[in-house]
């Protein structure tokens, strides 16, 4: 249902902005939730409290390659720690490592169309 507020979370480089752009083309109202940068574990609920929470997961290696990030595994691990609460409450988790942006979009659209 395009009236749903869809929140998208995940580590840097997991594909959040790309997914949101794709979903918005299909009429979905989306919020990019930068939970990976917040020390408040439930900030995603405080700021957005979406109807549906999509979690995009991606490995350190893939995130780093996609965004040419200058970080180390401890930075990635800290993001994962900050994202743990959102991960626990996600309605859908998509591992984007081996998927094209179109594959990710299709999986999420298929999920949203069933709601």
N, C-alpha and C. Protein backbone atom coordinates (compact mmCIF):
# COMPACT_ATOMS: atom_id res chain seq x y z
N UNK A 1 0.85 -1.18 0.00
CA UNK A 1 0.00 0.00 0.00
C UNK A 1 0.89 1.23 0.00
N UNK A 2 0.74 2.09 -0.96
CA UNK A 2 1.62 3.24 -1.09
C UNK A 2 1.39 4.28 0.00
N UNK A 3 0.36 4.14 0.83
CA UNK A 3 0.14 5.07 1.94
C UNK A 3 1.01 4.73 3.14
N UNK A 4 1.65 3.59 3.11
CA UNK A 4 2.52 3.18 4.21
C UNK A 4 3.76 4.06 4.26
N UNK A 5 4.24 4.31 5.48
CA UNK A 5 5.53 4.96 5.65
C UNK A 5 6.56 3.84 5.80
N UNK A 6 7.47 3.78 4.84
CA UNK A 6 8.49 2.73 4.81
C UNK A 6 9.81 3.32 5.30
N UNK A 7 10.34 2.77 6.37
CA UNK A 7 11.64 3.17 6.87
C UNK A 7 12.69 2.20 6.36
N UNK A 8 13.85 2.73 5.99
CA UNK A 8 14.94 1.89 5.48
C UNK A 8 16.18 2.16 6.31
N UNK A 9 16.74 1.09 6.89
CA UNK A 9 17.95 1.19 7.70
C UNK A 9 18.97 0.18 7.21
N UNK A 10 20.22 0.40 7.63
CA UNK A 10 21.30 -0.52 7.28
C UNK A 10 22.62 0.22 7.38
N UNK A 11 23.71 -0.52 7.32
CA UNK A 11 25.02 0.12 7.39
C UNK A 11 25.30 0.97 6.16
N UNK A 12 26.26 1.88 6.27
CA UNK A 12 26.68 2.70 5.14
C UNK A 12 27.06 1.78 3.97
N UNK A 13 26.56 2.09 2.80
CA UNK A 13 26.91 1.30 1.62
C UNK A 13 26.04 0.09 1.38
N UNK A 14 24.97 -0.08 2.17
CA UNK A 14 24.13 -1.27 1.99
C UNK A 14 23.10 -1.10 0.88
N UNK A 15 22.88 0.14 0.43
CA UNK A 15 21.95 0.37 -0.68
C UNK A 15 20.68 1.11 -0.31
N UNK A 16 20.68 1.78 0.84
CA UNK A 16 19.47 2.44 1.32
C UNK A 16 18.96 3.52 0.35
N UNK A 17 19.83 4.43 -0.04
CA UNK A 17 19.41 5.53 -0.92
C UNK A 17 18.91 5.02 -2.27
N UNK A 18 19.58 4.03 -2.80
CA UNK A 18 19.18 3.44 -4.09
C UNK A 18 17.81 2.79 -3.97
N UNK A 19 17.59 2.04 -2.89
CA UNK A 19 16.29 1.39 -2.69
C UNK A 19 15.19 2.43 -2.54
N UNK A 20 15.43 3.44 -1.74
CA UNK A 20 14.41 4.47 -1.50
C UNK A 20 14.03 5.14 -2.82
N UNK A 21 15.01 5.48 -3.64
CA UNK A 21 14.73 6.10 -4.94
C UNK A 21 13.83 5.19 -5.78
N UNK A 22 14.11 3.90 -5.76
CA UNK A 22 13.30 2.96 -6.52
C UNK A 22 11.89 2.83 -5.98
N UNK A 23 11.76 2.75 -4.66
CA UNK A 23 10.43 2.61 -4.06
C UNK A 23 9.58 3.85 -4.29
N UNK A 24 10.21 5.01 -4.21
CA UNK A 24 9.46 6.25 -4.41
C UNK A 24 8.92 6.36 -5.83
N UNK A 25 9.64 5.77 -6.80
CA UNK A 25 9.13 5.75 -8.18
C UNK A 25 7.85 4.93 -8.28
N UNK A 26 7.66 4.02 -7.34
CA UNK A 26 6.45 3.19 -7.30
C UNK A 26 5.40 3.78 -6.37
N UNK A 27 5.64 5.00 -5.90
CA UNK A 27 4.63 5.69 -5.10
C UNK A 27 4.72 5.49 -3.60
N UNK A 28 5.74 4.82 -3.13
CA UNK A 28 5.88 4.60 -1.69
C UNK A 28 6.49 5.82 -1.02
N UNK A 29 6.01 6.11 0.18
CA UNK A 29 6.55 7.19 1.01
C UNK A 29 7.62 6.57 1.90
N UNK A 30 8.86 6.99 1.71
CA UNK A 30 9.99 6.35 2.40
C UNK A 30 10.78 7.34 3.23
N UNK A 31 11.44 6.80 4.24
CA UNK A 31 12.36 7.59 5.04
C UNK A 31 13.68 6.83 5.14
N UNK A 32 14.75 7.55 4.85
CA UNK A 32 16.10 7.02 5.06
C UNK A 32 16.41 7.29 6.53
N UNK A 33 16.56 6.24 7.30
CA UNK A 33 16.81 6.38 8.73
C UNK A 33 18.29 6.13 8.97
N UNK A 34 19.00 7.15 9.39
CA UNK A 34 20.45 7.05 9.60
C UNK A 34 20.75 6.51 11.00
N UNK A 35 20.12 5.42 11.34
CA UNK A 35 20.28 4.80 12.65
C UNK A 35 21.73 4.40 12.91
N UNK A 36 22.47 4.08 11.85
CA UNK A 36 23.85 3.64 12.02
C UNK A 36 24.74 4.73 12.61
N UNK A 37 24.25 5.97 12.63
CA UNK A 37 25.03 7.08 13.17
C UNK A 37 24.55 7.52 14.55
N UNK A 38 23.55 6.87 15.09
CA UNK A 38 22.96 7.29 16.36
C UNK A 38 23.36 6.36 17.50
N UNK A 39 23.65 6.97 18.64
CA UNK A 39 23.94 6.20 19.85
C UNK A 39 22.66 5.77 20.56
N UNK A 40 21.53 6.34 20.18
CA UNK A 40 20.24 6.00 20.79
C UNK A 40 19.66 4.83 20.01
N UNK A 41 19.62 3.66 20.65
CA UNK A 41 19.30 2.43 19.92
C UNK A 41 17.93 2.43 19.25
N UNK A 42 16.98 3.16 19.78
CA UNK A 42 15.63 3.19 19.21
C UNK A 42 15.33 4.51 18.49
N UNK A 43 16.37 5.23 18.08
CA UNK A 43 16.18 6.51 17.40
C UNK A 43 15.31 6.36 16.16
N UNK A 44 15.39 5.23 15.50
CA UNK A 44 14.56 5.01 14.31
C UNK A 44 13.07 5.12 14.64
N UNK A 45 12.70 4.71 15.87
CA UNK A 45 11.31 4.82 16.29
C UNK A 45 10.96 6.25 16.68
N UNK A 46 11.89 6.91 17.35
CA UNK A 46 11.66 8.27 17.83
C UNK A 46 11.49 9.23 16.65
N UNK A 47 12.38 9.15 15.69
CA UNK A 47 12.38 10.09 14.57
C UNK A 47 11.29 9.76 13.54
N UNK A 48 11.15 8.50 13.20
CA UNK A 48 10.29 8.12 12.08
C UNK A 48 9.11 7.25 12.47
N UNK A 49 9.34 6.23 13.29
CA UNK A 49 8.32 5.25 13.65
C UNK A 49 7.53 4.79 12.42
N UNK A 50 8.22 4.15 11.47
CA UNK A 50 7.58 3.75 10.21
C UNK A 50 6.55 2.64 10.40
N UNK A 51 5.65 2.53 9.43
CA UNK A 51 4.70 1.43 9.41
C UNK A 51 5.41 0.12 9.10
N UNK A 52 6.42 0.20 8.25
CA UNK A 52 7.21 -0.96 7.84
C UNK A 52 8.68 -0.58 7.93
N UNK A 53 9.47 -1.47 8.50
CA UNK A 53 10.91 -1.22 8.61
C UNK A 53 11.66 -2.25 7.78
N UNK A 54 12.42 -1.76 6.80
CA UNK A 54 13.23 -2.60 5.93
C UNK A 54 14.68 -2.45 6.37
N UNK A 55 15.34 -3.57 6.59
CA UNK A 55 16.75 -3.56 7.00
C UNK A 55 17.57 -4.13 5.85
N UNK A 56 18.48 -3.31 5.34
CA UNK A 56 19.41 -3.79 4.30
C UNK A 56 20.72 -4.14 4.97
N UNK A 57 21.12 -5.38 4.85
CA UNK A 57 22.36 -5.85 5.45
C UNK A 57 23.40 -6.00 4.34
N UNK A 58 24.62 -5.70 4.68
CA UNK A 58 25.71 -5.86 3.74
C UNK A 58 26.99 -6.05 4.53
N UNK A 59 27.91 -6.82 3.98
CA UNK A 59 29.16 -7.12 4.68
C UNK A 59 30.11 -5.92 4.68
N UNK A 60 31.07 -5.95 5.56
CA UNK A 60 32.09 -4.91 5.64
C UNK A 60 32.77 -4.74 4.28
N UNK A 61 33.14 -5.86 3.66
CA UNK A 61 33.86 -5.81 2.39
C UNK A 61 33.03 -5.15 1.29
N UNK A 62 31.76 -5.51 1.20
CA UNK A 62 30.91 -4.97 0.15
C UNK A 62 30.58 -3.50 0.41
N UNK A 63 30.25 -3.16 1.65
CA UNK A 63 29.98 -1.75 2.00
C UNK A 63 31.17 -0.88 1.66
N UNK A 64 32.35 -1.35 2.02
CA UNK A 64 33.57 -0.59 1.78
C UNK A 64 33.81 -0.40 0.29
N UNK A 65 33.62 -1.44 -0.49
CA UNK A 65 33.84 -1.36 -1.93
C UNK A 65 32.82 -0.45 -2.62
N UNK A 66 31.57 -0.54 -2.21
CA UNK A 66 30.52 0.25 -2.85
C UNK A 66 30.71 1.74 -2.63
N UNK A 67 31.12 2.11 -1.46
CA UNK A 67 31.19 3.53 -1.11
C UNK A 67 32.62 4.05 -1.03
N UNK A 68 33.61 3.21 -1.34
CA UNK A 68 35.02 3.60 -1.20
C UNK A 68 35.25 4.22 0.19
N UNK A 69 34.71 3.54 1.19
CA UNK A 69 34.79 4.03 2.56
C UNK A 69 36.18 3.83 3.13
N UNK A 70 36.65 4.82 3.83
CA UNK A 70 37.94 4.75 4.52
C UNK A 70 37.65 4.46 5.98
N UNK A 71 37.31 3.23 6.26
CA UNK A 71 37.01 2.83 7.62
C UNK A 71 37.59 1.45 7.86
N UNK A 72 37.51 1.00 9.10
CA UNK A 72 38.02 -0.34 9.40
C UNK A 72 36.89 -1.19 9.96
N UNK A 73 37.20 -2.44 10.21
CA UNK A 73 36.15 -3.36 10.65
C UNK A 73 35.54 -2.95 11.98
N UNK A 74 36.30 -2.27 12.84
CA UNK A 74 35.71 -1.84 14.11
C UNK A 74 34.65 -0.75 13.89
N UNK A 75 34.84 0.11 12.87
CA UNK A 75 33.81 1.11 12.53
C UNK A 75 32.54 0.40 12.06
N UNK A 76 32.72 -0.59 11.22
CA UNK A 76 31.58 -1.37 10.72
C UNK A 76 30.88 -2.08 11.88
N UNK A 77 31.67 -2.69 12.76
CA UNK A 77 31.10 -3.39 13.91
C UNK A 77 30.30 -2.44 14.79
N UNK A 78 30.77 -1.21 14.95
CA UNK A 78 30.04 -0.22 15.74
C UNK A 78 28.71 0.12 15.07
N UNK A 79 28.72 0.24 13.75
CA UNK A 79 27.45 0.49 13.05
C UNK A 79 26.49 -0.68 13.27
N UNK A 80 26.99 -1.89 13.20
CA UNK A 80 26.15 -3.06 13.42
C UNK A 80 25.56 -3.04 14.84
N UNK A 81 26.37 -2.63 15.80
CA UNK A 81 25.88 -2.55 17.18
C UNK A 81 24.76 -1.51 17.27
N UNK A 82 24.95 -0.37 16.64
CA UNK A 82 23.94 0.69 16.67
C UNK A 82 22.67 0.30 15.93
N UNK A 83 22.80 -0.61 14.98
CA UNK A 83 21.65 -1.06 14.18
C UNK A 83 20.92 -2.25 14.78
N UNK A 84 21.44 -2.83 15.84
CA UNK A 84 20.91 -4.09 16.39
C UNK A 84 19.43 -3.99 16.75
N UNK A 85 19.01 -2.91 17.38
CA UNK A 85 17.61 -2.75 17.78
C UNK A 85 16.70 -2.70 16.55
N UNK A 86 17.12 -1.95 15.54
CA UNK A 86 16.34 -1.89 14.30
C UNK A 86 16.29 -3.25 13.63
N UNK A 87 17.41 -3.96 13.63
CA UNK A 87 17.44 -5.30 13.04
C UNK A 87 16.44 -6.22 13.73
N UNK A 88 16.39 -6.16 15.05
CA UNK A 88 15.45 -6.99 15.82
C UNK A 88 14.00 -6.68 15.47
N UNK A 89 13.70 -5.45 15.10
CA UNK A 89 12.33 -5.03 14.84
C UNK A 89 11.98 -4.92 13.36
N UNK A 90 12.92 -5.26 12.49
CA UNK A 90 12.68 -5.13 11.05
C UNK A 90 11.58 -6.08 10.58
N UNK A 91 10.77 -5.57 9.66
CA UNK A 91 9.73 -6.40 9.04
C UNK A 91 10.30 -7.25 7.92
N UNK A 92 11.37 -6.76 7.31
CA UNK A 92 12.04 -7.49 6.23
C UNK A 92 13.52 -7.19 6.30
N UNK A 93 14.34 -8.23 6.18
CA UNK A 93 15.80 -8.09 6.14
C UNK A 93 16.26 -8.62 4.79
N UNK A 94 17.03 -7.79 4.08
CA UNK A 94 17.55 -8.20 2.78
C UNK A 94 19.06 -8.07 2.81
N UNK A 95 19.75 -9.18 2.58
CA UNK A 95 21.21 -9.15 2.45
C UNK A 95 21.51 -8.74 1.02
N UNK A 96 22.11 -7.58 0.86
CA UNK A 96 22.30 -7.01 -0.48
C UNK A 96 23.63 -7.38 -1.12
N UNK A 97 24.47 -8.14 -0.43
CA UNK A 97 25.82 -8.42 -0.93
C UNK A 97 25.85 -8.96 -2.36
N UNK A 98 25.00 -9.90 -2.67
CA UNK A 98 25.06 -10.58 -3.97
C UNK A 98 23.85 -10.27 -4.84
N UNK A 99 23.20 -9.14 -4.56
CA UNK A 99 22.02 -8.75 -5.32
C UNK A 99 22.29 -7.45 -6.07
N UNK A 100 21.67 -7.31 -7.23
CA UNK A 100 21.72 -6.02 -7.93
C UNK A 100 20.73 -5.08 -7.25
N UNK A 101 20.87 -3.79 -7.47
CA UNK A 101 19.87 -2.87 -6.92
C UNK A 101 18.45 -3.22 -7.37
N UNK A 102 18.31 -3.69 -8.59
CA UNK A 102 16.99 -4.09 -9.10
C UNK A 102 16.45 -5.31 -8.36
N UNK A 103 17.34 -6.25 -8.02
CA UNK A 103 16.93 -7.43 -7.26
C UNK A 103 16.43 -7.03 -5.87
N UNK A 104 17.16 -6.12 -5.23
CA UNK A 104 16.76 -5.65 -3.90
C UNK A 104 15.40 -4.97 -3.98
N UNK A 105 15.25 -4.08 -4.95
CA UNK A 105 13.98 -3.37 -5.12
C UNK A 105 12.84 -4.34 -5.34
N UNK A 106 13.04 -5.34 -6.17
CA UNK A 106 11.98 -6.32 -6.47
C UNK A 106 11.60 -7.10 -5.22
N UNK A 107 12.58 -7.52 -4.43
CA UNK A 107 12.28 -8.27 -3.19
C UNK A 107 11.46 -7.42 -2.23
N UNK A 108 11.83 -6.16 -2.10
CA UNK A 108 11.10 -5.28 -1.18
C UNK A 108 9.71 -4.98 -1.73
N UNK A 109 9.59 -4.71 -3.03
CA UNK A 109 8.28 -4.46 -3.62
C UNK A 109 7.37 -5.68 -3.46
N UNK A 110 7.91 -6.87 -3.70
CA UNK A 110 7.11 -8.09 -3.52
C UNK A 110 6.59 -8.18 -2.09
N UNK A 111 7.44 -7.86 -1.12
CA UNK A 111 7.05 -7.89 0.28
C UNK A 111 5.96 -6.84 0.55
N UNK A 112 6.18 -5.62 0.10
CA UNK A 112 5.24 -4.53 0.38
C UNK A 112 3.89 -4.76 -0.28
N UNK A 113 3.88 -5.39 -1.44
CA UNK A 113 2.62 -5.64 -2.15
C UNK A 113 1.76 -6.66 -1.42
N UNK A 114 2.34 -7.42 -0.51
CA UNK A 114 1.60 -8.44 0.26
C UNK A 114 1.03 -7.89 1.56
N UNK A 115 1.40 -6.66 1.89
CA UNK A 115 0.93 -6.06 3.15
C UNK A 115 -0.47 -5.49 2.96
